[in-house]
Full PDB file with SEQRES, HELIX, SHEET, SSBOND, CRYST1, ORIGX, SCALE, CONECT and MASTER records, all heavy atoms in Angstrom:
SEQRES   1 A   29  GLU GLN VAL GLY HIS ILE VAL ALA ALA LEU SER ILE ALA          
SEQRES   2 A   29  PHE GLN ALA SER PRO VAL GLU VAL ILE VAL GLN ILE LEU          
SEQRES   3 A   29  THR VAL GLY                                                  
HELIX    1 AA1 GLN A    2  ALA A   13  1                                  12    
HELIX    2 AA2 PRO A   18  THR A   27  1                                  10    
CRYST1    1.000    1.000    1.000  90.00  90.00  90.00 P 1           1          
ORIGX1      1.000000  0.000000  0.000000        0.00000                         
ORIGX2      0.000000  1.000000  0.000000        0.00000                         
ORIGX3      0.000000  0.000000  1.000000        0.00000                         
SCALE1      1.000000  0.000000  0.000000        0.00000                         
SCALE2      0.000000  1.000000  0.000000        0.00000                         
SCALE3      0.000000  0.000000  1.000000        0.00000                         
ATOM      1  N   GLU A   1     170.433 130.624 112.987  1.00  0.00           N  
ATOM      2  CA  GLU A   1     171.669 130.668 113.778  1.00  0.00           C  
ATOM      3  C   GLU A   1     172.011 132.112 114.160  1.00  0.00           C  
ATOM      4  O   GLU A   1     172.396 132.384 115.305  1.00  0.00           O  
ATOM      5  CB  GLU A   1     172.822 130.050 112.998  1.00  0.00           C  
ATOM      6  CG  GLU A   1     174.151 130.124 113.724  1.00  0.00           C  
ATOM      7  CD  GLU A   1     175.323 129.670 112.877  1.00  0.00           C  
ATOM      8  OE1 GLU A   1     175.120 129.190 111.743  1.00  0.00           O  
ATOM      9  OE2 GLU A   1     176.456 129.807 113.355  1.00  0.00           O  
ATOM     10  N   GLN A   2     171.874 133.033 113.215  1.00  0.00           N  
ATOM     11  CA  GLN A   2     172.178 134.435 113.491  1.00  0.00           C  
ATOM     12  C   GLN A   2     171.210 135.009 114.523  1.00  0.00           C  
ATOM     13  O   GLN A   2     171.626 135.708 115.451  1.00  0.00           O  
ATOM     14  CB  GLN A   2     172.139 135.243 112.194  1.00  0.00           C  
ATOM     15  CG  GLN A   2     173.267 134.899 111.252  1.00  0.00           C  
ATOM     16  CD  GLN A   2     173.065 135.451 109.847  1.00  0.00           C  
ATOM     17  OE1 GLN A   2     171.942 135.688 109.411  1.00  0.00           O  
ATOM     18  NE2 GLN A   2     174.167 135.661 109.138  1.00  0.00           N  
ATOM     19  N   VAL A   3     169.928 134.711 114.371  1.00  0.00           N  
ATOM     20  CA  VAL A   3     168.936 135.195 115.338  1.00  0.00           C  
ATOM     21  C   VAL A   3     169.219 134.597 116.710  1.00  0.00           C  
ATOM     22  O   VAL A   3     169.158 135.297 117.729  1.00  0.00           O  
ATOM     23  CB  VAL A   3     167.497 134.883 114.867  1.00  0.00           C  
ATOM     24  CG1 VAL A   3     166.491 135.221 115.958  1.00  0.00           C  
ATOM     25  CG2 VAL A   3     167.171 135.637 113.584  1.00  0.00           C  
ATOM     26  N   GLY A   4     169.550 133.318 116.765  1.00  0.00           N  
ATOM     27  CA  GLY A   4     169.872 132.672 118.032  1.00  0.00           C  
ATOM     28  C   GLY A   4     171.043 133.339 118.727  1.00  0.00           C  
ATOM     29  O   GLY A   4     171.028 133.559 119.949  1.00  0.00           O  
ATOM     30  N   HIS A   5     172.073 133.688 117.962  1.00  0.00           N  
ATOM     31  CA  HIS A   5     173.232 134.368 118.537  1.00  0.00           C  
ATOM     32  C   HIS A   5     172.829 135.740 119.071  1.00  0.00           C  
ATOM     33  O   HIS A   5     173.239 136.130 120.174  1.00  0.00           O  
ATOM     34  CB  HIS A   5     174.337 134.526 117.484  1.00  0.00           C  
ATOM     35  CG  HIS A   5     175.458 135.388 117.949  1.00  0.00           C  
ATOM     36  ND1 HIS A   5     176.436 134.942 118.808  1.00  0.00           N  
ATOM     37  CD2 HIS A   5     175.730 136.689 117.712  1.00  0.00           C  
ATOM     38  CE1 HIS A   5     177.265 135.933 119.063  1.00  0.00           C  
ATOM     39  NE2 HIS A   5     176.861 137.001 118.401  1.00  0.00           N  
ATOM     40  N   ILE A   6     172.031 136.479 118.312  1.00  0.00           N  
ATOM     41  CA  ILE A   6     171.591 137.810 118.742  1.00  0.00           C  
ATOM     42  C   ILE A   6     170.750 137.705 120.007  1.00  0.00           C  
ATOM     43  O   ILE A   6     170.937 138.470 120.955  1.00  0.00           O  
ATOM     44  CB  ILE A   6     170.833 138.521 117.603  1.00  0.00           C  
ATOM     45  CG1 ILE A   6     171.821 138.899 116.493  1.00  0.00           C  
ATOM     46  CG2 ILE A   6     170.078 139.741 118.115  1.00  0.00           C  
ATOM     47  CD1 ILE A   6     171.171 139.390 115.223  1.00  0.00           C  
ATOM     48  N   VAL A   7     169.844 136.738 120.055  1.00  0.00           N  
ATOM     49  CA  VAL A   7     169.008 136.548 121.243  1.00  0.00           C  
ATOM     50  C   VAL A   7     169.879 136.228 122.457  1.00  0.00           C  
ATOM     51  O   VAL A   7     169.692 136.800 123.537  1.00  0.00           O  
ATOM     52  CB  VAL A   7     167.952 135.445 121.001  1.00  0.00           C  
ATOM     53  CG1 VAL A   7     167.286 135.019 122.301  1.00  0.00           C  
ATOM     54  CG2 VAL A   7     166.904 135.935 120.006  1.00  0.00           C  
ATOM     55  N   ALA A   8     170.856 135.345 122.291  1.00  0.00           N  
ATOM     56  CA  ALA A   8     171.740 134.986 123.405  1.00  0.00           C  
ATOM     57  C   ALA A   8     172.533 136.202 123.886  1.00  0.00           C  
ATOM     58  O   ALA A   8     172.647 136.447 125.095  1.00  0.00           O  
ATOM     59  CB  ALA A   8     172.678 133.857 122.989  1.00  0.00           C  
ATOM     60  N   ALA A   9     173.077 136.981 122.950  1.00  0.00           N  
ATOM     61  CA  ALA A   9     173.870 138.157 123.319  1.00  0.00           C  
ATOM     62  C   ALA A   9     173.010 139.206 124.026  1.00  0.00           C  
ATOM     63  O   ALA A   9     173.428 139.796 125.029  1.00  0.00           O  
ATOM     64  CB  ALA A   9     174.534 138.755 122.081  1.00  0.00           C  
ATOM     65  N   LEU A  10     171.800 139.435 123.529  1.00  0.00           N  
ATOM     66  CA  LEU A  10     170.915 140.419 124.154  1.00  0.00           C  
ATOM     67  C   LEU A  10     170.411 139.938 125.518  1.00  0.00           C  
ATOM     68  O   LEU A  10     170.220 140.741 126.431  1.00  0.00           O  
ATOM     69  CB  LEU A  10     169.745 140.750 123.235  1.00  0.00           C  
ATOM     70  CG  LEU A  10     170.109 141.500 121.957  1.00  0.00           C  
ATOM     71  CD1 LEU A  10     168.884 141.679 121.068  1.00  0.00           C  
ATOM     72  CD2 LEU A  10     170.745 142.845 122.270  1.00  0.00           C  
ATOM     73  N   SER A  11     170.217 138.641 125.661  1.00  0.00           N  
ATOM     74  CA  SER A  11     169.806 138.085 126.953  1.00  0.00           C  
ATOM     75  C   SER A  11     170.842 138.384 128.020  1.00  0.00           C  
ATOM     76  O   SER A  11     170.507 138.777 129.141  1.00  0.00           O  
ATOM     77  CB  SER A  11     169.607 136.566 126.852  1.00  0.00           C  
ATOM     78  OG  SER A  11     168.542 136.255 126.020  1.00  0.00           O  
ATOM     79  N   ILE A  12     172.107 138.231 127.653  1.00  0.00           N  
ATOM     80  CA  ILE A  12     173.195 138.522 128.593  1.00  0.00           C  
ATOM     81  C   ILE A  12     173.289 140.023 128.850  1.00  0.00           C  
ATOM     82  O   ILE A  12     173.365 140.467 129.996  1.00  0.00           O  
ATOM     83  CB  ILE A  12     174.528 137.965 128.057  1.00  0.00           C  
ATOM     84  CG1 ILE A  12     174.484 136.441 128.053  1.00  0.00           C  
ATOM     85  CG2 ILE A  12     175.715 138.484 128.867  1.00  0.00           C  
ATOM     86  CD1 ILE A  12     175.609 135.785 127.276  1.00  0.00           C  
ATOM     87  N   ALA A  13     173.263 140.811 127.781  1.00  0.00           N  
ATOM     88  CA  ALA A  13     173.431 142.259 127.914  1.00  0.00           C  
ATOM     89  C   ALA A  13     172.336 142.909 128.758  1.00  0.00           C  
ATOM     90  O   ALA A  13     172.610 143.828 129.526  1.00  0.00           O  
ATOM     91  CB  ALA A  13     173.480 142.904 126.531  1.00  0.00           C  
ATOM     92  N   PHE A  14     171.102 142.422 128.616  1.00  0.00           N  
ATOM     93  CA  PHE A  14     169.980 143.035 129.328  1.00  0.00           C  
ATOM     94  C   PHE A  14     169.486 142.193 130.495  1.00  0.00           C  
ATOM     95  O   PHE A  14     168.444 142.493 131.079  1.00  0.00           O  
ATOM     96  CB  PHE A  14     168.835 143.329 128.354  1.00  0.00           C  
ATOM     97  CG  PHE A  14     169.186 144.395 127.358  1.00  0.00           C  
ATOM     98  CD1 PHE A  14     169.517 144.066 126.057  1.00  0.00           C  
ATOM     99  CD2 PHE A  14     169.223 145.724 127.734  1.00  0.00           C  
ATOM    100  CE1 PHE A  14     169.858 145.048 125.134  1.00  0.00           C  
ATOM    101  CE2 PHE A  14     169.558 146.715 126.828  1.00  0.00           C  
ATOM    102  CZ  PHE A  14     169.885 146.376 125.520  1.00  0.00           C  
ATOM    103  N   GLN A  15     170.211 141.137 130.826  1.00  0.00           N  
ATOM    104  CA  GLN A  15     169.845 140.236 131.925  1.00  0.00           C  
ATOM    105  C   GLN A  15     168.386 139.821 131.838  1.00  0.00           C  
ATOM    106  O   GLN A  15     167.619 139.940 132.786  1.00  0.00           O  
ATOM    107  CB  GLN A  15     170.156 140.899 133.271  1.00  0.00           C  
ATOM    108  CG  GLN A  15     171.619 141.228 133.434  1.00  0.00           C  
ATOM    109  CD  GLN A  15     171.927 141.938 134.732  1.00  0.00           C  
ATOM    110  OE1 GLN A  15     171.040 142.289 135.485  1.00  0.00           O  
ATOM    111  NE2 GLN A  15     173.201 142.150 134.991  1.00  0.00           N  
ATOM    112  N   ALA A  16     168.019 139.327 130.667  1.00  0.00           N  
ATOM    113  CA  ALA A  16     166.652 138.881 130.397  1.00  0.00           C  
ATOM    114  C   ALA A  16     166.704 137.447 129.880  1.00  0.00           C  
ATOM    115  O   ALA A  16     167.721 137.011 129.350  1.00  0.00           O  
ATOM    116  CB  ALA A  16     166.002 139.791 129.362  1.00  0.00           C  
ATOM    117  N   SER A  17     165.616 136.746 130.029  1.00  0.00           N  
ATOM    118  CA  SER A  17     165.570 135.383 129.505  1.00  0.00           C  
ATOM    119  C   SER A  17     165.483 135.434 127.981  1.00  0.00           C  
ATOM    120  O   SER A  17     164.988 136.414 127.408  1.00  0.00           O  
ATOM    121  CB  SER A  17     164.362 134.633 130.062  1.00  0.00           C  
ATOM    122  OG  SER A  17     163.172 135.079 129.438  1.00  0.00           O  
ATOM    123  N   PRO A  18     165.953 134.379 127.310  1.00  0.00           N  
ATOM    124  CA  PRO A  18     165.822 134.344 125.846  1.00  0.00           C  
ATOM    125  C   PRO A  18     164.373 134.505 125.385  1.00  0.00           C  
ATOM    126  O   PRO A  18     164.120 135.155 124.364  1.00  0.00           O  
ATOM    127  CB  PRO A  18     166.391 132.979 125.474  1.00  0.00           C  
ATOM    128  CG  PRO A  18     167.352 132.668 126.570  1.00  0.00           C  
ATOM    129  CD  PRO A  18     166.730 133.252 127.812  1.00  0.00           C  
ATOM    130  N   VAL A  19     163.439 133.964 126.139  1.00  0.00           N  
ATOM    131  CA  VAL A  19     162.028 134.085 125.765  1.00  0.00           C  
ATOM    132  C   VAL A  19     161.599 135.548 125.799  1.00  0.00           C  
ATOM    133  O   VAL A  19     160.906 136.021 124.895  1.00  0.00           O  
ATOM    134  CB  VAL A  19     161.132 133.219 126.680  1.00  0.00           C  
ATOM    135  CG1 VAL A  19     159.662 133.505 126.452  1.00  0.00           C  
ATOM    136  CG2 VAL A  19     161.431 131.744 126.466  1.00  0.00           C  
ATOM    137  N   GLU A  20     162.021 136.288 126.838  1.00  0.00           N  
ATOM    138  CA  GLU A  20     161.687 137.711 126.926  1.00  0.00           C  
ATOM    139  C   GLU A  20     162.257 138.483 125.741  1.00  0.00           C  
ATOM    140  O   GLU A  20     161.598 139.364 125.180  1.00  0.00           O  
ATOM    141  CB  GLU A  20     162.218 138.313 128.227  1.00  0.00           C  
ATOM    142  CG  GLU A  20     161.510 137.833 129.474  1.00  0.00           C  
ATOM    143  CD  GLU A  20     162.192 138.329 130.728  1.00  0.00           C  
ATOM    144  OE1 GLU A  20     163.386 138.006 130.930  1.00  0.00           O  
ATOM    145  OE2 GLU A  20     161.523 139.056 131.500  1.00  0.00           O  
ATOM    146  N   VAL A  21     163.486 138.155 125.357  1.00  0.00           N  
ATOM    147  CA  VAL A  21     164.125 138.839 124.227  1.00  0.00           C  
ATOM    148  C   VAL A  21     163.375 138.536 122.938  1.00  0.00           C  
ATOM    149  O   VAL A  21     163.101 139.445 122.139  1.00  0.00           O  
ATOM    150  CB  VAL A  21     165.608 138.434 124.110  1.00  0.00           C  
ATOM    151  CG1 VAL A  21     166.228 138.984 122.837  1.00  0.00           C  
ATOM    152  CG2 VAL A  21     166.386 138.905 125.330  1.00  0.00           C  
ATOM    153  N   ILE A  22     163.012 137.295 122.719  1.00  0.00           N  
ATOM    154  CA  ILE A  22     162.273 136.914 121.510  1.00  0.00           C  
ATOM    155  C   ILE A  22     160.930 137.635 121.452  1.00  0.00           C  
ATOM    156  O   ILE A  22     160.536 138.156 120.403  1.00  0.00           O  
ATOM    157  CB  ILE A  22     162.092 135.390 121.428  1.00  0.00           C  
ATOM    158  CG1 ILE A  22     163.451 134.725 121.176  1.00  0.00           C  
ATOM    159  CG2 ILE A  22     161.092 135.001 120.345  1.00  0.00           C  
ATOM    160  CD1 ILE A  22     163.456 133.221 121.353  1.00  0.00           C  
ATOM    161  N   VAL A  23     160.224 137.688 122.578  1.00  0.00           N  
ATOM    162  CA  VAL A  23     158.931 138.386 122.619  1.00  0.00           C  
ATOM    163  C   VAL A  23     159.118 139.857 122.264  1.00  0.00           C  
ATOM    164  O   VAL A  23     158.349 140.425 121.476  1.00  0.00           O  
ATOM    165  CB  VAL A  23     158.256 138.222 123.995  1.00  0.00           C  
ATOM    166  CG1 VAL A  23     157.077 139.177 124.165  1.00  0.00           C  
ATOM    167  CG2 VAL A  23     157.805 136.783 124.192  1.00  0.00           C  
ATOM    168  N   GLN A  24     160.160 140.510 122.812  1.00  0.00           N  
ATOM    169  CA  GLN A  24     160.438 141.906 122.487  1.00  0.00           C  
ATOM    170  C   GLN A  24     160.724 142.087 120.996  1.00  0.00           C  
ATOM    171  O   GLN A  24     160.223 143.016 120.362  1.00  0.00           O  
ATOM    172  CB  GLN A  24     161.634 142.423 123.298  1.00  0.00           C  
ATOM    173  CG  GLN A  24     161.294 142.837 124.701  1.00  0.00           C  
ATOM    174  CD  GLN A  24     160.405 144.055 124.720  1.00  0.00           C  
ATOM    175  OE1 GLN A  24     159.243 143.970 125.095  1.00  0.00           O  
ATOM    176  NE2 GLN A  24     160.915 145.197 124.325  1.00  0.00           N  
ATOM    177  N   ILE A  25     161.542 141.210 120.439  1.00  0.00           N  
ATOM    178  CA  ILE A  25     161.878 141.304 119.014  1.00  0.00           C  
ATOM    179  C   ILE A  25     160.625 141.150 118.158  1.00  0.00           C  
ATOM    180  O   ILE A  25     160.429 141.888 117.197  1.00  0.00           O  
ATOM    181  CB  ILE A  25     162.948 140.267 118.630  1.00  0.00           C  
ATOM    182  CG1 ILE A  25     164.303 140.655 119.252  1.00  0.00           C  
ATOM    183  CG2 ILE A  25     163.073 140.138 117.111  1.00  0.00           C  
ATOM    184  CD1 ILE A  25     165.379 139.594 119.105  1.00  0.00           C  
ATOM    185  N   LEU A  26     159.775 140.210 118.515  1.00  0.00           N  
ATOM    186  CA  LEU A  26     158.568 139.963 117.718  1.00  0.00           C  
ATOM    187  C   LEU A  26     157.512 141.056 117.876  1.00  0.00           C  
ATOM    188  O   LEU A  26     156.745 141.311 116.951  1.00  0.00           O  
ATOM    189  CB  LEU A  26     157.971 138.606 118.072  1.00  0.00           C  
ATOM    190  CG  LEU A  26     158.817 137.392 117.679  1.00  0.00           C  
ATOM    191  CD1 LEU A  26     158.167 136.109 118.175  1.00  0.00           C  
ATOM    192  CD2 LEU A  26     159.050 137.340 116.185  1.00  0.00           C  
ATOM    193  N   THR A  27     157.459 141.720 119.039  1.00  0.00           N  
ATOM    194  CA  THR A  27     156.428 142.732 119.255  1.00  0.00           C  
ATOM    195  C   THR A  27     156.909 144.146 118.961  1.00  0.00           C  
ATOM    196  O   THR A  27     156.169 144.950 118.399  1.00  0.00           O  
ATOM    197  CB  THR A  27     155.875 142.675 120.696  1.00  0.00           C  
ATOM    198  OG1 THR A  27     156.946 142.827 121.618  1.00  0.00           O  
ATOM    199  CG2 THR A  27     155.152 141.375 120.955  1.00  0.00           C  
ATOM    200  N   VAL A  28     158.141 144.463 119.329  1.00  0.00           N  
ATOM    201  CA  VAL A  28     158.662 145.824 119.176  1.00  0.00           C  
ATOM    202  C   VAL A  28     159.607 145.926 117.991  1.00  0.00           C  
ATOM    203  O   VAL A  28     159.693 146.947 117.325  1.00  0.00           O  
ATOM    204  CB  VAL A  28     159.387 146.271 120.470  1.00  0.00           C  
ATOM    205  CG1 VAL A  28     159.987 147.652 120.330  1.00  0.00           C  
ATOM    206  CG2 VAL A  28     158.448 146.210 121.656  1.00  0.00           C  
ATOM    207  N   GLY A  29     160.345 144.866 117.731  1.00  0.00           N  
ATOM    208  CA  GLY A  29     161.370 144.877 116.696  1.00  0.00           C  
ATOM    209  C   GLY A  29     162.746 144.900 117.331  1.00  0.00           C  
ATOM    210  O   GLY A  29     162.894 144.871 118.548  1.00  0.00           O  
TER     211      GLY A  29                                                      
MASTER        0    0    0    2    0    0    0    6  210    1    0    3          
END                                                                             
């Protein structure tokens, strides 16, 4: 739930899809 909220917030902040945000988190941190 916490990760989902962070992904949603970052998707809005950076105008990126949730999938793009998840890929960034998994590859870059």
